Amino acid sequence: MSSVDGAACYGIAPGHRMQWEDAQQAWVILYPEGMVKLNDSAAEILRRCDGTTPLSAVVEDLERTFDETGLTGDVHQLVAAALEQGWLVRR
């Protein structure tokens, strides 16, 4: 699995676009080869990966927004998977 750095900023990869799809009633990532329908948790994480916000701040925002703690591992795991799939890039 790809290495994830909490101090790094991640963003949607070139050639990919994240948007709400009414037909799917979900957030999706669109790219030339297809589309990925995101579950609610993945969408909340990836929507915050704007290429300028450090991943540690993304985790803090999620924990504050959802009144949760200990989300770092889950967020890093999702970001690592998104990097491997080519949906995200490190900025």
PDB file of N, CA and C in Angstrom:
ATOM      1  N   MET A   1       0.843  -1.180   0.000  1.00  0.00           N
ATOM      2  CA  MET A   1       0.000   0.000   0.000  1.00  0.00           C
ATOM      3  C   MET A   1       0.891   1.247   0.000  1.00  0.00           C
ATOM      4  N   SER A   2       0.438   2.284  -0.647  1.00  0.00           N
ATOM      5  CA  SER A   2       1.210   3.526  -0.749  1.00  0.00           C
ATOM      6  C   SER A   2       1.421   4.156   0.619  1.00  0.00           C
ATOM      7  N   SER A   3       2.556   4.821   0.749  1.00  0.00           N
ATOM      8  CA  SER A   3       2.869   5.526   1.990  1.00  0.00           C
ATOM      9  C   SER A   3       2.120   6.859   2.016  1.00  0.00           C
ATOM     10  N   VAL A   4       1.512   7.162   3.154  1.00  0.00           N
ATOM     11  CA  VAL A   4       0.743   8.389   3.319  1.00  0.00           C
ATOM     12  C   VAL A   4       1.419   9.228   4.394  1.00  0.00           C
ATOM     13  N   ASP A   5       1.541  10.518   4.143  1.00  0.00           N
ATOM     14  CA  ASP A   5       2.190  11.454   5.050  1.00  0.00           C
ATOM     15  C   ASP A   5       1.150  12.448   5.554  1.00  0.00           C
ATOM     16  N   GLY A   6       0.950  12.491   6.858  1.00  0.00           N
ATOM     17  CA  GLY A   6      -0.044  13.385   7.445  1.00  0.00           C
ATOM     18  C   GLY A   6       0.230  14.853   7.200  1.00  0.00           C
ATOM     19  N   ALA A   7       1.504  15.205   6.965  1.00  0.00           N
ATOM     20  CA  ALA A   7       1.854  16.607   6.711  1.00  0.00           C
ATOM     21  C   ALA A   7       1.690  16.993   5.242  1.00  0.00           C
ATOM     22  N   ALA A   8       1.505  16.002   4.383  1.00  0.00           N
ATOM     23  CA  ALA A   8       1.393  16.252   2.939  1.00  0.00           C
ATOM     24  C   ALA A   8      -0.036  16.638   2.565  1.00  0.00           C
ATOM     25  N   CYS A   9      -0.145  17.277   1.408  1.00  0.00           N
ATOM     26  CA  CYS A   9      -1.446  17.652   0.846  1.00  0.00           C
ATOM     27  C   CYS A   9      -1.738  16.730  -0.331  1.00  0.00           C
ATOM     28  N   TYR A  10      -2.971  16.274  -0.424  1.00  0.00           N
ATOM     29  CA  TYR A  10      -3.397  15.384  -1.496  1.00  0.00           C
ATOM     30  C   TYR A  10      -4.585  16.010  -2.211  1.00  0.00           C
ATOM     31  N   GLY A  11      -4.677  15.759  -3.510  1.00  0.00           N
ATOM     32  CA  GLY A  11      -5.778  16.295  -4.297  1.00  0.00           C
ATOM     33  C   GLY A  11      -6.194  15.318  -5.377  1.00  0.00           C
ATOM     34  N   ILE A  12      -7.343  15.575  -5.959  1.00  0.00           N
ATOM     35  CA  ILE A  12      -7.852  14.728  -7.035  1.00  0.00           C
ATOM     36  C   ILE A  12      -6.858  14.760  -8.196  1.00  0.00           C
ATOM     37  N   ALA A  13      -6.579  13.606  -8.736  1.00  0.00           N
ATOM     38  CA  ALA A  13      -5.574  13.455  -9.796  1.00  0.00           C
ATOM     39  C   ALA A  13      -6.012  14.149 -11.086  1.00  0.00           C
ATOM     40  N   PRO A  14      -5.035  14.633 -11.859  1.00  0.00           N
ATOM     41  CA  PRO A  14      -5.362  15.185 -13.182  1.00  0.00           C
ATOM     42  C   PRO A  14      -6.135  14.155 -14.004  1.00  0.00           C
ATOM     43  N   GLY A  15      -7.109  14.625 -14.752  1.00  0.00           N
ATOM     44  CA  GLY A  15      -7.922  13.725 -15.562  1.00  0.00           C
ATOM     45  C   GLY A  15      -9.081  13.106 -14.795  1.00  0.00           C
ATOM     46  N   HIS A  16      -9.177  13.416 -13.512  1.00  0.00           N
ATOM     47  CA  HIS A  16     -10.253  12.912 -12.668  1.00  0.00           C
ATOM     48  C   HIS A  16     -11.069  14.100 -12.157  1.00  0.00           C
ATOM     49  N   ARG A  17     -12.331  13.847 -11.901  1.00  0.00           N
ATOM     50  CA  ARG A  17     -13.195  14.896 -11.355  1.00  0.00           C
ATOM     51  C   ARG A  17     -14.141  14.259 -10.340  1.00  0.00           C
ATOM     52  N   MET A  18     -14.282  14.902  -9.208  1.00  0.00           N
ATOM     53  CA  MET A  18     -15.223  14.437  -8.195  1.00  0.00           C
ATOM     54  C   MET A  18     -16.456  15.320  -8.235  1.00  0.00           C
ATOM     55  N   GLN A  19     -17.622  14.698  -8.277  1.00  0.00           N
ATOM     56  CA  GLN A  19     -18.859  15.477  -8.326  1.00  0.00           C
ATOM     57  C   GLN A  19     -20.018  14.653  -7.791  1.00  0.00           C
ATOM     58  N   TRP A  20     -21.088  15.380  -7.427  1.00  0.00           N
ATOM     59  CA  TRP A  20     -22.328  14.735  -7.012  1.00  0.00           C
ATOM     60  C   TRP A  20     -23.077  14.287  -8.255  1.00  0.00           C
ATOM     61  N   GLU A  21     -23.535  13.057  -8.270  1.00  0.00           N
ATOM     62  CA  GLU A  21     -24.318  12.522  -9.388  1.00  0.00           C
ATOM     63  C   GLU A  21     -25.738  12.252  -8.902  1.00  0.00           C
ATOM     64  N   ASP A  22     -26.676  13.029  -9.413  1.00  0.00           N
ATOM     65  CA  ASP A  22     -28.070  12.822  -9.029  1.00  0.00           C
ATOM     66  C   ASP A  22     -28.551  11.426  -9.382  1.00  0.00           C
ATOM     67  N   ALA A  23     -28.157  10.933 -10.540  1.00  0.00           N
ATOM     68  CA  ALA A  23     -28.602   9.610 -10.985  1.00  0.00           C
ATOM     69  C   ALA A  23     -28.155   8.516 -10.016  1.00  0.00           C
ATOM     70  N   GLN A  24     -26.976   8.690  -9.423  1.00  0.00           N
ATOM     71  CA  GLN A  24     -26.443   7.703  -8.474  1.00  0.00           C
ATOM     72  C   GLN A  24     -26.836   8.033  -7.031  1.00  0.00           C
ATOM     73  N   GLN A  25     -27.282   9.290  -6.810  1.00  0.00           N
ATOM     74  CA  GLN A  25     -27.535   9.787  -5.458  1.00  0.00           C
ATOM     75  C   GLN A  25     -26.306   9.568  -4.576  1.00  0.00           C
ATOM     76  N   ALA A  26     -25.140   9.917  -5.175  1.00  0.00           N
ATOM     77  CA  ALA A  26     -23.870   9.722  -4.476  1.00  0.00           C
ATOM     78  C   ALA A  26     -22.799  10.587  -5.122  1.00  0.00           C
ATOM     79  N   TRP A  27     -21.718  10.808  -4.355  1.00  0.00           N
ATOM     80  CA  TRP A  27     -20.526  11.431  -4.912  1.00  0.00           C
ATOM     81  C   TRP A  27     -19.798  10.380  -5.736  1.00  0.00           C
ATOM     82  N   VAL A  28     -19.228  10.806  -6.846  1.00  0.00           N
ATOM     83  CA  VAL A  28     -18.491   9.903  -7.730  1.00  0.00           C
ATOM     84  C   VAL A  28     -17.181  10.561  -8.153  1.00  0.00           C
ATOM     85  N   ILE A  29     -16.261   9.735  -8.567  1.00  0.00           N
ATOM     86  CA  ILE A  29     -15.055  10.212  -9.236  1.00  0.00           C
ATOM     87  C   ILE A  29     -15.176   9.767 -10.683  1.00  0.00           C
ATOM     88  N   LEU A  30     -15.133  10.748 -11.577  1.00  0.00           N
ATOM     89  CA  LEU A  30     -15.209  10.481 -13.007  1.00  0.00           C
ATOM     90  C   LEU A  30     -13.802  10.549 -13.597  1.00  0.00           C
ATOM     91  N   TYR A  31     -13.510   9.641 -14.513  1.00  0.00           N
ATOM     92  CA  TYR A  31     -12.233   9.648 -15.219  1.00  0.00           C
ATOM     93  C   TYR A  31     -12.465   9.018 -16.585  1.00  0.00           C
ATOM     94  N   PRO A  32     -11.519   9.164 -17.513  1.00  0.00           N
ATOM     95  CA  PRO A  32     -11.775   8.711 -18.892  1.00  0.00           C
ATOM     96  C   PRO A  32     -12.212   7.247 -19.020  1.00  0.00           C
ATOM     97  N   GLU A  33     -11.714   6.390 -18.133  1.00  0.00           N
ATOM     98  CA  GLU A  33     -12.045   4.963 -18.238  1.00  0.00           C
ATOM     99  C   GLU A  33     -13.339   4.590 -17.539  1.00  0.00           C
ATOM    100  N   GLY A  34     -13.928   5.529 -16.788  1.00  0.00           N
ATOM    101  CA  GLY A  34     -15.152   5.168 -16.096  1.00  0.00           C
ATOM    102  C   GLY A  34     -15.509   6.079 -14.948  1.00  0.00           C
ATOM    103  N   MET A  35     -16.156   5.457 -13.941  1.00  0.00           N
ATOM    104  CA  MET A  35     -16.666   6.194 -12.801  1.00  0.00           C
ATOM    105  C   MET A  35     -16.589   5.298 -11.575  1.00  0.00           C
ATOM    106  N   VAL A  36     -16.300   5.925 -10.439  1.00  0.00           N
ATOM    107  CA  VAL A  36     -16.295   5.213  -9.163  1.00  0.00           C
ATOM    108  C   VAL A  36     -17.329   5.874  -8.269  1.00  0.00           C
ATOM    109  N   LYS A  37     -18.276   5.099  -7.783  1.00  0.00           N
ATOM    110  CA  LYS A  37     -19.277   5.596  -6.844  1.00  0.00           C
ATOM    111  C   LYS A  37     -18.689   5.466  -5.440  1.00  0.00           C
ATOM    112  N   LEU A  38     -18.689   6.573  -4.707  1.00  0.00           N
ATOM    113  CA  LEU A  38     -18.096   6.604  -3.374  1.00  0.00           C
ATOM    114  C   LEU A  38     -19.149   6.407  -2.291  1.00  0.00           C
ATOM    115  N   ASN A  39     -18.778   5.695  -1.242  1.00  0.00           N
ATOM    116  CA  ASN A  39     -19.677   5.637  -0.094  1.00  0.00           C
ATOM    117  C   ASN A  39     -19.565   6.960   0.663  1.00  0.00           C
ATOM    118  N   ASP A  40     -20.434   7.179   1.621  1.00  0.00           N
ATOM    119  CA  ASP A  40     -20.482   8.467   2.320  1.00  0.00           C
ATOM    120  C   ASP A  40     -19.165   8.805   3.016  1.00  0.00           C
ATOM    121  N   SER A  41     -18.556   7.827   3.671  1.00  0.00           N
ATOM    122  CA  SER A  41     -17.301   8.080   4.392  1.00  0.00           C
ATOM    123  C   SER A  41     -16.180   8.468   3.435  1.00  0.00           C
ATOM    124  N   ALA A  42     -16.038   7.725   2.352  1.00  0.00           N
ATOM    125  CA  ALA A  42     -14.999   8.032   1.366  1.00  0.00           C
ATOM    126  C   ALA A  42     -15.216   9.419   0.773  1.00  0.00           C
ATOM    127  N   ALA A  43     -16.460   9.747   0.489  1.00  0.00           N
ATOM    128  CA  ALA A  43     -16.765  11.062  -0.087  1.00  0.00           C
ATOM    129  C   ALA A  43     -16.394  12.177   0.881  1.00  0.00           C
ATOM    130  N   GLU A  44     -16.710  12.005   2.166  1.00  0.00           N
ATOM    131  CA  GLU A  44     -16.377  13.034   3.158  1.00  0.00           C
ATOM    132  C   GLU A  44     -14.866  13.251   3.225  1.00  0.00           C
ATOM    133  N   ILE A  45     -14.103  12.180   3.143  1.00  0.00           N
ATOM    134  CA  ILE A  45     -12.636  12.288   3.187  1.00  0.00           C
ATOM    135  C   ILE A  45     -12.116  12.936   1.908  1.00  0.00           C
ATOM    136  N   LEU A  46     -12.490  12.390   0.766  1.00  0.00           N
ATOM    137  CA  LEU A  46     -11.928  12.858  -0.507  1.00  0.00           C
ATOM    138  C   LEU A  46     -12.369  14.276  -0.853  1.00  0.00           C
ATOM    139  N   ARG A  47     -13.548  14.689  -0.417  1.00  0.00           N
ATOM    140  CA  ARG A  47     -13.988  16.075  -0.666  1.00  0.00           C
ATOM    141  C   ARG A  47     -13.077  17.070   0.034  1.00  0.00           C
ATOM    142  N   ARG A  48     -12.453  16.648   1.117  1.00  0.00           N
ATOM    143  CA  ARG A  48     -11.559  17.531   1.865  1.00  0.00           C
ATOM    144  C   ARG A  48     -10.132  17.509   1.328  1.00  0.00           C
ATOM    145  N   CYS A  49      -9.827  16.584   0.456  1.00  0.00           N
ATOM    146  CA  CYS A  49      -8.482  16.494  -0.145  1.00  0.00           C
ATOM    147  C   CYS A  49      -8.437  17.460  -1.328  1.00  0.00           C
ATOM    148  N   ASP A  50      -8.153  18.719  -1.023  1.00  0.00           N
ATOM    149  CA  ASP A  50      -8.225  19.788  -2.025  1.00  0.00           C
ATOM    150  C   ASP A  50      -6.868  20.166  -2.606  1.00  0.00           C
ATOM    151  N   GLY A  51      -5.820  19.452  -2.212  1.00  0.00           N
ATOM    152  CA  GLY A  51      -4.490  19.735  -2.744  1.00  0.00           C
ATOM    153  C   GLY A  51      -3.744  20.806  -1.984  1.00  0.00           C
ATOM    154  N   THR A  52      -4.412  21.489  -1.038  1.00  0.00           N
ATOM    155  CA  THR A  52      -3.761  22.548  -0.271  1.00  0.00           C
ATOM    156  C   THR A  52      -3.863  22.339   1.237  1.00  0.00           C
ATOM    157  N   THR A  53      -4.719  21.440   1.673  1.00  0.00           N
ATOM    158  CA  THR A  53      -4.910  21.185   3.095  1.00  0.00           C
ATOM    159  C   THR A  53      -4.117  19.950   3.503  1.00  0.00           C
ATOM    160  N   PRO A  54      -3.240  20.074   4.499  1.00  0.00           N
ATOM    161  CA  PRO A  54      -2.491  18.893   4.956  1.00  0.00           C
ATOM    162  C   PRO A  54      -3.450  17.808   5.445  1.00  0.00           C
ATOM    163  N   LEU A  55      -3.073  16.564   5.236  1.00  0.00           N
ATOM    164  CA  LEU A  55      -3.935  15.448   5.614  1.00  0.00           C
ATOM    165  C   LEU A  55      -4.252  15.464   7.111  1.00  0.00           C
ATOM    166  N   SER A  56      -3.310  15.888   7.926  1.00  0.00           N
ATOM    167  CA  SER A  56      -3.577  15.967   9.373  1.00  0.00           C
ATOM    168  C   SER A  56      -4.731  16.936   9.654  1.00  0.00           C
ATOM    169  N   ALA A  57      -4.831  18.022   8.909  1.00  0.00           N
ATOM    170  CA  ALA A  57      -5.926  18.975   9.073  1.00  0.00           C
ATOM    171  C   ALA A  57      -7.244  18.384   8.567  1.00  0.00           C
ATOM    172  N   VAL A  58      -7.171  17.560   7.538  1.00  0.00           N
ATOM    173  CA  VAL A  58      -8.365  16.864   7.044  1.00  0.00           C
ATOM    174  C   VAL A  58      -8.905  15.973   8.155  1.00  0.00           C
ATOM    175  N   VAL A  59      -8.011  15.219   8.804  1.00  0.00           N
ATOM    176  CA  VAL A  59      -8.429  14.334   9.901  1.00  0.00           C
ATOM    177  C   VAL A  59      -9.044  15.157  11.029  1.00  0.00           C
ATOM    178  N   GLU A  60      -8.403  16.238  11.411  1.00  0.00           N
ATOM    179  CA  GLU A  60      -8.928  17.092  12.486  1.00  0.00           C
ATOM    180  C   GLU A  60     -10.319  17.619  12.136  1.00  0.00           C
ATOM    181  N   ASP A  61     -10.513  18.039  10.887  1.00  0.00           N
ATOM    182  CA  ASP A  61     -11.814  18.547  10.459  1.00  0.00           C
ATOM    183  C   ASP A  61     -12.877  17.456  10.529  1.00  0.00           C
ATOM    184  N   LEU A  62     -12.549  16.270  10.078  1.00  0.00           N
ATOM    185  CA  LEU A  62     -13.498  15.155  10.135  1.00  0.00           C
ATOM    186  C   LEU A  62     -13.861  14.813  11.579  1.00  0.00           C
ATOM    187  N   GLU A  63     -12.854  14.756  12.446  1.00  0.00           N
ATOM    188  CA  GLU A  63     -13.116  14.434  13.846  1.00  0.00           C
ATOM    189  C   GLU A  63     -13.993  15.499  14.505  1.00  0.00           C
ATOM    190  N   ARG A  64     -13.755  16.751  14.177  1.00  0.00           N
ATOM    191  CA  ARG A  64     -14.554  17.853  14.732  1.00  0.00           C
ATOM    192  C   ARG A  64     -15.974  17.810  14.160  1.00  0.00           C
ATOM    193  N   THR A  65     -16.087  17.658  12.848  1.00  0.00           N
ATOM    194  CA  THR A  65     -17.398  17.656  12.189  1.00  0.00           C
ATOM    195  C   THR A  65     -18.289  16.525  12.685  1.00  0.00           C
ATOM    196  N   PHE A  66     -17.715  15.349  12.859  1.00  0.00           N
ATOM    197  CA  PHE A  66     -18.511  14.171  13.216  1.00  0.00           C
ATOM    198  C   PHE A  66     -18.382  13.784  14.689  1.00  0.00           C
ATOM    199  N   ASP A  67     -17.726  14.653  15.482  1.00  0.00           N
ATOM    200  CA  ASP A  67     -17.563  14.423  16.918  1.00  0.00           C
ATOM    201  C   ASP A  67     -17.027  13.017  17.189  1.00  0.00           C
ATOM    202  N   GLU A  68     -15.945  12.704  16.504  1.00  0.00           N
ATOM    203  CA  GLU A  68     -15.278  11.407  16.619  1.00  0.00           C
ATOM    204  C   GLU A  68     -13.807  11.628  16.920  1.00  0.00           C
ATOM    205  N   THR A  69     -13.151  10.599  17.425  1.00  0.00           N
ATOM    206  CA  THR A  69     -11.706  10.630  17.607  1.00  0.00           C
ATOM    207  C   THR A  69     -11.121   9.366  17.005  1.00  0.00           C
ATOM    208  N   GLY A  70      -9.809   9.386  16.788  1.00  0.00           N
ATOM    209  CA  GLY A  70      -9.130   8.186  16.303  1.00  0.00           C
ATOM    210  C   GLY A  70      -9.381   7.839  14.854  1.00  0.00           C
ATOM    211  N   LEU A  71      -9.629   8.842  14.014  1.00  0.00           N
ATOM    212  CA  LEU A  71      -9.908   8.579  12.594  1.00  0.00           C
ATOM    213  C   LEU A  71      -8.654   8.521  11.723  1.00  0.00           C
ATOM    214  N   THR A  72      -7.495   8.826  12.279  1.00  0.00           N
ATOM    215  CA  THR A  72      -6.279   8.911  11.462  1.00  0.00           C
ATOM    216  C   THR A  72      -6.026   7.645  10.662  1.00  0.00           C
ATOM    217  N   GLY A  73      -6.093   6.492  11.292  1.00  0.00           N
ATOM    218  CA  GLY A  73      -5.819   5.236  10.592  1.00  0.00           C
ATOM    219  C   GLY A  73      -6.755   4.992   9.431  1.00  0.00           C
ATOM    220  N   ASP A  74      -8.049   5.212   9.649  1.00  0.00           N
ATOM    221  CA  ASP A  74      -9.038   5.000   8.586  1.00  0.00           C
ATOM    222  C   ASP A  74      -8.824   5.969   7.425  1.00  0.00           C
ATOM    223  N   VAL A  75      -8.546   7.243   7.760  1.00  0.00           N
ATOM    224  CA  VAL A  75      -8.328   8.238   6.712  1.00  0.00           C
ATOM    225  C   VAL A  75      -7.070   7.899   5.913  1.00  0.00           C
ATOM    226  N   HIS A  76      -5.998   7.553   6.604  1.00  0.00           N
ATOM    227  CA  HIS A  76      -4.751   7.207   5.910  1.00  0.00           C
ATOM    228  C   HIS A  76      -4.953   5.980   5.023  1.00  0.00           C
ATOM    229  N   GLN A  77      -5.716   5.011   5.496  1.00  0.00           N
ATOM    230  CA  GLN A  77      -5.978   3.803   4.706  1.00  0.00           C
ATOM    231  C   GLN A  77      -6.746   4.151   3.427  1.00  0.00           C
ATOM    232  N   LEU A  78      -7.758   4.992   3.532  1.00  0.00           N
ATOM    233  CA  LEU A  78      -8.532   5.380   2.347  1.00  0.00           C
ATOM    234  C   LEU A  78      -7.675   6.178   1.380  1.00  0.00           C
ATOM    235  N   VAL A  79      -6.884   7.116   1.890  1.00  0.00           N
ATOM    236  CA  VAL A  79      -6.024   7.929   1.028  1.00  0.00           C
ATOM    237  C   VAL A  79      -4.990   7.044   0.337  1.00  0.00           C
ATOM    238  N   ALA A  80      -4.422   6.075   1.054  1.00  0.00           N
ATOM    239  CA  ALA A  80      -3.456   5.158   0.440  1.00  0.00           C
ATOM    240  C   ALA A  80      -4.109   4.365  -0.698  1.00  0.00           C
ATOM    241  N   ALA A  81      -5.330   3.888  -0.473  1.00  0.00           N
ATOM    242  CA  ALA A  81      -6.045   3.148  -1.521  1.00  0.00           C
ATOM    243  C   ALA A  81      -6.348   4.054  -2.713  1.00  0.00           C
ATOM    244  N   ALA A  82      -6.745   5.303  -2.455  1.00  0.00           N
ATOM    245  CA  ALA A  82      -7.046   6.249  -3.535  1.00  0.00           C
ATOM    246  C   ALA A  82      -5.784   6.590  -4.326  1.00  0.00           C
ATOM    247  N   LEU A  83      -4.654   6.667  -3.650  1.00  0.00           N
ATOM    248  CA  LEU A  83      -3.384   6.894  -4.356  1.00  0.00           C
ATOM    249  C   LEU A  83      -3.064   5.712  -5.271  1.00  0.00           C
ATOM    250  N   GLU A  84      -3.230   4.503  -4.747  1.00  0.00           N
ATOM    251  CA  GLU A  84      -2.959   3.303  -5.545  1.00  0.00           C
ATOM    252  C   GLU A  84      -3.883   3.212  -6.756  1.00  0.00           C
ATOM    253  N   GLN A  85      -5.135   3.627  -6.589  1.00  0.00           N
ATOM    254  CA  GLN A  85      -6.099   3.587  -7.699  1.00  0.00           C
ATOM    255  C   GLN A  85      -5.880   4.718  -8.701  1.00  0.00           C
ATOM    256  N   GLY A  86      -5.062   5.706  -8.306  1.00  0.00           N
ATOM    257  CA  GLY A  86      -4.802   6.838  -9.193  1.00  0.00           C
ATOM    258  C   GLY A  86      -5.828   7.943  -9.095  1.00  0.00           C
ATOM    259  N   TRP A  87      -6.698   7.898  -8.071  1.00  0.00           N
ATOM    260  CA  TRP A  87      -7.713   8.944  -7.900  1.00  0.00           C
ATOM    261  C   TRP A  87      -7.134  10.195  -7.270  1.00  0.00           C
ATOM    262  N   LEU A  88      -6.145  10.027  -6.400  1.00  0.00           N
ATOM    263  CA  LEU A  88      -5.494  11.144  -5.711  1.00  0.00           C
ATOM    264  C   LEU A  88      -4.024  11.214  -6.091  1.00  0.00           C
ATOM    265  N   VAL A  89      -3.458  12.393  -5.955  1.00  0.00           N
ATOM    266  CA  VAL A  89      -2.017  12.592  -6.096  1.00  0.00           C
ATOM    267  C   VAL A  89      -1.548  13.457  -4.936  1.00  0.00           C
ATOM    268  N   ARG A  90      -0.276  13.303  -4.614  1.00  0.00           N
ATOM    269  CA  ARG A  90       0.318  14.145  -3.591  1.00  0.00           C
ATOM    270  C   ARG A  90       0.705  15.457  -4.253  1.00  0.00           C
ATOM    271  N   ARG A  91       0.365  16.570  -3.629  1.00  0.00           N
ATOM    272  CA  ARG A  91       0.663  17.893  -4.196  1.00  0.00           C
ATOM    273  C   ARG A  91       1.908  18.470  -3.563  1.00  0.00           C
TER     274      ARG A  91
END
